[in-house]
Amino acid sequence: MSTYDTMRHFADGIGLIIMVGVFLTLCAWPFRPGSKHHNRAAAHSIFEENEGGE
């Protein structure tokens, strides 16, 4: 079995499962318990005054 076939088999199987797991984790990350404060701070950060005086 060549290196290409080995990598192709990995990408078709285990690699796909890992990528789906990472995708689902990143999609669910903002909804974890305790993140409400961080999400609200990020949403309101654009309305804060500039400290540079511009």
PDB file of N, CA and C in Angstrom:
ATOM      1  N   MET A   1       0.858  -1.180   0.000  1.00  0.00           N
ATOM      2  CA  MET A   1       0.000   0.000   0.000  1.00  0.00           C
ATOM      3  C   MET A   1       0.903   1.241   0.000  1.00  0.00           C
ATOM      4  N   SER A   2       0.599   2.163  -0.898  1.00  0.00           N
ATOM      5  CA  SER A   2       1.427   3.355  -1.006  1.00  0.00           C
ATOM      6  C   SER A   2       1.042   4.370   0.072  1.00  0.00           C
ATOM      7  N   THR A   3       1.873   5.390   0.190  1.00  0.00           N
ATOM      8  CA  THR A   3       1.609   6.458   1.166  1.00  0.00           C
ATOM      9  C   THR A   3       0.307   7.175   0.828  1.00  0.00           C
ATOM     10  N   TYR A   4       0.054   7.380  -0.460  1.00  0.00           N
ATOM     11  CA  TYR A   4      -1.181   8.046  -0.873  1.00  0.00           C
ATOM     12  C   TYR A   4      -2.404   7.243  -0.430  1.00  0.00           C
ATOM     13  N   ASP A   5      -2.369   5.941  -0.654  1.00  0.00           N
ATOM     14  CA  ASP A   5      -3.502   5.097  -0.271  1.00  0.00           C
ATOM     15  C   ASP A   5      -3.698   5.094   1.237  1.00  0.00           C
ATOM     16  N   THR A   6      -2.613   5.090   1.983  1.00  0.00           N
ATOM     17  CA  THR A   6      -2.705   5.111   3.446  1.00  0.00           C
ATOM     18  C   THR A   6      -3.327   6.413   3.927  1.00  0.00           C
ATOM     19  N   MET A   7      -2.862   7.535   3.396  1.00  0.00           N
ATOM     20  CA  MET A   7      -3.407   8.829   3.790  1.00  0.00           C
ATOM     21  C   MET A   7      -4.861   8.973   3.349  1.00  0.00           C
ATOM     22  N   ARG A   8      -5.195   8.432   2.169  1.00  0.00           N
ATOM     23  CA  ARG A   8      -6.566   8.492   1.672  1.00  0.00           C
ATOM     24  C   ARG A   8      -7.494   7.682   2.574  1.00  0.00           C
ATOM     25  N   HIS A   9      -7.049   6.525   2.995  1.00  0.00           N
ATOM     26  CA  HIS A   9      -7.844   5.693   3.899  1.00  0.00           C
ATOM     27  C   HIS A   9      -8.046   6.403   5.238  1.00  0.00           C
ATOM     28  N   PHE A  10      -6.995   7.041   5.764  1.00  0.00           N
ATOM     29  CA  PHE A  10      -7.106   7.783   7.017  1.00  0.00           C
ATOM     30  C   PHE A  10      -8.094   8.936   6.877  1.00  0.00           C
ATOM     31  N   ALA A  11      -8.010   9.700   5.791  1.00  0.00           N
ATOM     32  CA  ALA A  11      -8.890  10.852   5.587  1.00  0.00           C
ATOM     33  C   ALA A  11     -10.337  10.407   5.415  1.00  0.00           C
ATOM     34  N   ASP A  12     -10.558   9.274   4.783  1.00  0.00           N
ATOM     35  CA  ASP A  12     -11.918   8.783   4.573  1.00  0.00           C
ATOM     36  C   ASP A  12     -12.540   8.253   5.852  1.00  0.00           C
ATOM     37  N   GLY A  13     -11.762   7.819   6.780  1.00  0.00           N
ATOM     38  CA  GLY A  13     -12.308   7.197   7.985  1.00  0.00           C
ATOM     39  C   GLY A  13     -12.111   8.036   9.226  1.00  0.00           C
ATOM     40  N   ILE A  14     -10.988   7.841   9.855  1.00  0.00           N
ATOM     41  CA  ILE A  14     -10.705   8.477  11.140  1.00  0.00           C
ATOM     42  C   ILE A  14     -10.600   9.991  11.001  1.00  0.00           C
ATOM     43  N   GLY A  15      -9.989  10.459   9.939  1.00  0.00           N
ATOM     44  CA  GLY A  15      -9.845  11.903   9.726  1.00  0.00           C
ATOM     45  C   GLY A  15     -11.188  12.599   9.629  1.00  0.00           C
ATOM     46  N   LEU A  16     -12.136  11.973   8.957  1.00  0.00           N
ATOM     47  CA  LEU A  16     -13.475  12.554   8.825  1.00  0.00           C
ATOM     48  C   LEU A  16     -14.158  12.633  10.186  1.00  0.00           C
ATOM     49  N   ILE A  17     -14.030  11.591  10.977  1.00  0.00           N
ATOM     50  CA  ILE A  17     -14.635  11.578  12.317  1.00  0.00           C
ATOM     51  C   ILE A  17     -14.022  12.669  13.182  1.00  0.00           C
ATOM     52  N   ILE A  18     -12.712  12.847  13.107  1.00  0.00           N
ATOM     53  CA  ILE A  18     -12.035  13.887  13.891  1.00  0.00           C
ATOM     54  C   ILE A  18     -12.482  15.274  13.440  1.00  0.00           C
ATOM     55  N   MET A  19     -12.568  15.501  12.133  1.00  0.00           N
ATOM     56  CA  MET A  19     -12.987  16.811  11.629  1.00  0.00           C
ATOM     57  C   MET A  19     -14.429  17.134  12.018  1.00  0.00           C
ATOM     58  N   VAL A  20     -15.315  16.151  11.982  1.00  0.00           N
ATOM     59  CA  VAL A  20     -16.700  16.371  12.397  1.00  0.00           C
ATOM     60  C   VAL A  20     -16.752  16.677  13.882  1.00  0.00           C
ATOM     61  N   GLY A  21     -15.949  15.981  14.686  1.00  0.00           N
ATOM     62  CA  GLY A  21     -15.901  16.242  16.127  1.00  0.00           C
ATOM     63  C   GLY A  21     -15.407  17.639  16.436  1.00  0.00           C
ATOM     64  N   VAL A  22     -14.373  18.089  15.757  1.00  0.00           N
ATOM     65  CA  VAL A  22     -13.857  19.441  15.959  1.00  0.00           C
ATOM     66  C   VAL A  22     -14.892  20.475  15.526  1.00  0.00           C
ATOM     67  N   PHE A  23     -15.556  20.238  14.409  1.00  0.00           N
ATOM     68  CA  PHE A  23     -16.577  21.157  13.922  1.00  0.00           C
ATOM     69  C   PHE A  23     -17.721  21.292  14.928  1.00  0.00           C
ATOM     70  N   LEU A  24     -18.224  20.173  15.440  1.00  0.00           N
ATOM     71  CA  LEU A  24     -19.323  20.215  16.394  1.00  0.00           C
ATOM     72  C   LEU A  24     -18.905  20.882  17.701  1.00  0.00           C
ATOM     73  N   THR A  25     -17.669  20.637  18.130  1.00  0.00           N
ATOM     74  CA  THR A  25     -17.161  21.279  19.346  1.00  0.00           C
ATOM     75  C   THR A  25     -17.094  22.784  19.178  1.00  0.00           C
ATOM     76  N   LEU A  26     -16.581  23.251  18.053  1.00  0.00           N
ATOM     77  CA  LEU A  26     -16.475  24.691  17.814  1.00  0.00           C
ATOM     78  C   LEU A  26     -17.852  25.343  17.646  1.00  0.00           C
ATOM     79  N   CYS A  27     -18.808  24.623  17.081  1.00  0.00           N
ATOM     80  CA  CYS A  27     -20.165  25.172  16.958  1.00  0.00           C
ATOM     81  C   CYS A  27     -20.847  25.264  18.318  1.00  0.00           C
ATOM     82  N   ALA A  28     -20.576  24.332  19.214  1.00  0.00           N
ATOM     83  CA  ALA A  28     -21.226  24.306  20.527  1.00  0.00           C
ATOM     84  C   ALA A  28     -20.498  25.163  21.561  1.00  0.00           C
ATOM     85  N   TRP A  29     -19.272  25.571  21.288  1.00  0.00           N
ATOM     86  CA  TRP A  29     -18.456  26.301  22.262  1.00  0.00           C
ATOM     87  C   TRP A  29     -19.127  27.564  22.810  1.00  0.00           C
ATOM     88  N   PRO A  30     -19.757  28.413  22.005  1.00  0.00           N
ATOM     89  CA  PRO A  30     -20.393  29.626  22.560  1.00  0.00           C
ATOM     90  C   PRO A  30     -21.583  29.337  23.465  1.00  0.00           C
ATOM     91  N   PHE A  31     -22.142  28.141  23.392  1.00  0.00           N
ATOM     92  CA  PHE A  31     -23.332  27.812  24.167  1.00  0.00           C
ATOM     93  C   PHE A  31     -23.018  27.057  25.457  1.00  0.00           C
ATOM     94  N   ARG A  32     -21.751  26.938  25.811  1.00  0.00           N
ATOM     95  CA  ARG A  32     -21.382  26.215  27.030  1.00  0.00           C
ATOM     96  C   ARG A  32     -21.823  27.003  28.258  1.00  0.00           C
ATOM     97  N   PRO A  33     -22.061  26.317  29.368  1.00  0.00           N
ATOM     98  CA  PRO A  33     -22.461  27.012  30.593  1.00  0.00           C
ATOM     99  C   PRO A  33     -21.353  27.970  31.067  1.00  0.00           C
ATOM    100  N   GLY A  34     -21.744  29.132  31.505  1.00  0.00           N
ATOM    101  CA  GLY A  34     -20.782  30.095  32.021  1.00  0.00           C
ATOM    102  C   GLY A  34     -20.192  31.033  30.980  1.00  0.00           C
ATOM    103  N   SER A  35     -20.590  30.901  29.732  1.00  0.00           N
ATOM    104  CA  SER A  35     -20.006  31.764  28.699  1.00  0.00           C
ATOM    105  C   SER A  35     -20.863  32.988  28.397  1.00  0.00           C
ATOM    106  N   LYS A  36     -21.967  33.143  29.097  1.00  0.00           N
ATOM    107  CA  LYS A  36     -22.879  34.251  28.823  1.00  0.00           C
ATOM    108  C   LYS A  36     -22.182  35.602  28.999  1.00  0.00           C
ATOM    109  N   HIS A  37     -21.373  35.736  30.065  1.00  0.00           N
ATOM    110  CA  HIS A  37     -20.667  36.997  30.320  1.00  0.00           C
ATOM    111  C   HIS A  37     -19.701  37.314  29.179  1.00  0.00           C
ATOM    112  N   HIS A  38     -18.942  36.329  28.723  1.00  0.00           N
ATOM    113  CA  HIS A  38     -17.967  36.551  27.653  1.00  0.00           C
ATOM    114  C   HIS A  38     -18.673  36.903  26.335  1.00  0.00           C
ATOM    115  N   ASN A  39     -19.770  36.227  26.056  1.00  0.00           N
ATOM    116  CA  ASN A  39     -20.508  36.517  24.823  1.00  0.00           C
ATOM    117  C   ASN A  39     -21.093  37.923  24.844  1.00  0.00           C
ATOM    118  N   ARG A  40     -21.640  38.327  25.990  1.00  0.00           N
ATOM    119  CA  ARG A  40     -22.222  39.659  26.106  1.00  0.00           C
ATOM    120  C   ARG A  40     -21.136  40.736  25.990  1.00  0.00           C
ATOM    121  N   ALA A  41     -19.972  40.503  26.604  1.00  0.00           N
ATOM    122  CA  ALA A  41     -18.872  41.466  26.525  1.00  0.00           C
ATOM    123  C   ALA A  41     -18.378  41.605  25.081  1.00  0.00           C
ATOM    124  N   ALA A  42     -18.310  40.497  24.369  1.00  0.00           N
ATOM    125  CA  ALA A  42     -17.870  40.551  22.973  1.00  0.00           C
ATOM    126  C   ALA A  42     -18.897  41.273  22.103  1.00  0.00           C
ATOM    127  N   ALA A  43     -20.175  41.052  22.370  1.00  0.00           N
ATOM    128  CA  ALA A  43     -21.224  41.688  21.575  1.00  0.00           C
ATOM    129  C   ALA A  43     -21.273  43.189  21.800  1.00  0.00           C
ATOM    130  N   HIS A  44     -20.970  43.642  23.018  1.00  0.00           N
ATOM    131  CA  HIS A  44     -21.061  45.070  23.329  1.00  0.00           C
ATOM    132  C   HIS A  44     -19.728  45.805  23.191  1.00  0.00           C
ATOM    133  N   SER A  45     -18.676  45.103  22.837  1.00  0.00           N
ATOM    134  CA  SER A  45     -17.356  45.724  22.752  1.00  0.00           C
ATOM    135  C   SER A  45     -17.278  46.779  21.649  1.00  0.00           C
ATOM    136  N   ILE A  46     -18.087  46.658  20.606  1.00  0.00           N
ATOM    137  CA  ILE A  46     -18.023  47.635  19.517  1.00  0.00           C
ATOM    138  C   ILE A  46     -18.655  48.966  19.924  1.00  0.00           C
ATOM    139  N   PHE A  47     -19.416  49.001  21.007  1.00  0.00           N
ATOM    140  CA  PHE A  47     -20.067  50.214  21.438  1.00  0.00           C
ATOM    141  C   PHE A  47     -19.266  50.977  22.494  1.00  0.00           C
ATOM    142  N   GLU A  48     -18.132  50.425  22.923  1.00  0.00           N
ATOM    143  CA  GLU A  48     -17.314  51.093  23.912  1.00  0.00           C
ATOM    144  C   GLU A  48     -16.581  52.273  23.306  1.00  0.00           C
ATOM    145  N   GLU A  49     -16.296  53.270  24.109  1.00  0.00           N
ATOM    146  CA  GLU A  49     -15.577  54.452  23.632  1.00  0.00           C
ATOM    147  C   GLU A  49     -14.124  54.089  23.311  1.00  0.00           C
ATOM    148  N   ASN A  50     -13.579  54.729  22.302  1.00  0.00           N
ATOM    149  CA  ASN A  50     -12.158  54.569  21.988  1.00  0.00           C
ATOM    150  C   ASN A  50     -11.355  55.339  23.038  1.00  0.00           C
ATOM    151  N   GLU A  51     -10.290  54.742  23.508  1.00  0.00           N
ATOM    152  CA  GLU A  51      -9.437  55.417  24.480  1.00  0.00           C
ATOM    153  C   GLU A  51      -8.426  56.315  23.807  1.00  0.00           C
ATOM    154  N   GLY A  52      -8.271  56.196  22.487  1.00  0.00           N
ATOM    155  CA  GLY A  52      -7.311  57.006  21.753  1.00  0.00           C
ATOM    156  C   GLY A  52      -7.795  58.412  21.466  1.00  0.00           C
ATOM    157  N   GLY A  53      -9.035  58.733  21.737  1.00  0.00           N
ATOM    158  CA  GLY A  53      -9.549  60.061  21.527  1.00  0.00           C
ATOM    159  C   GLY A  53      -9.994  60.344  20.109  1.00  0.00           C
ATOM    160  N   GLU A  54     -10.125  59.325  19.296  1.00  0.00           N
ATOM    161  CA  GLU A  54     -10.526  59.527  17.891  1.00  0.00           C
ATOM    162  C   GLU A  54     -12.016  59.573  17.759  1.00  0.00           C
TER     163      GLU A  54
END
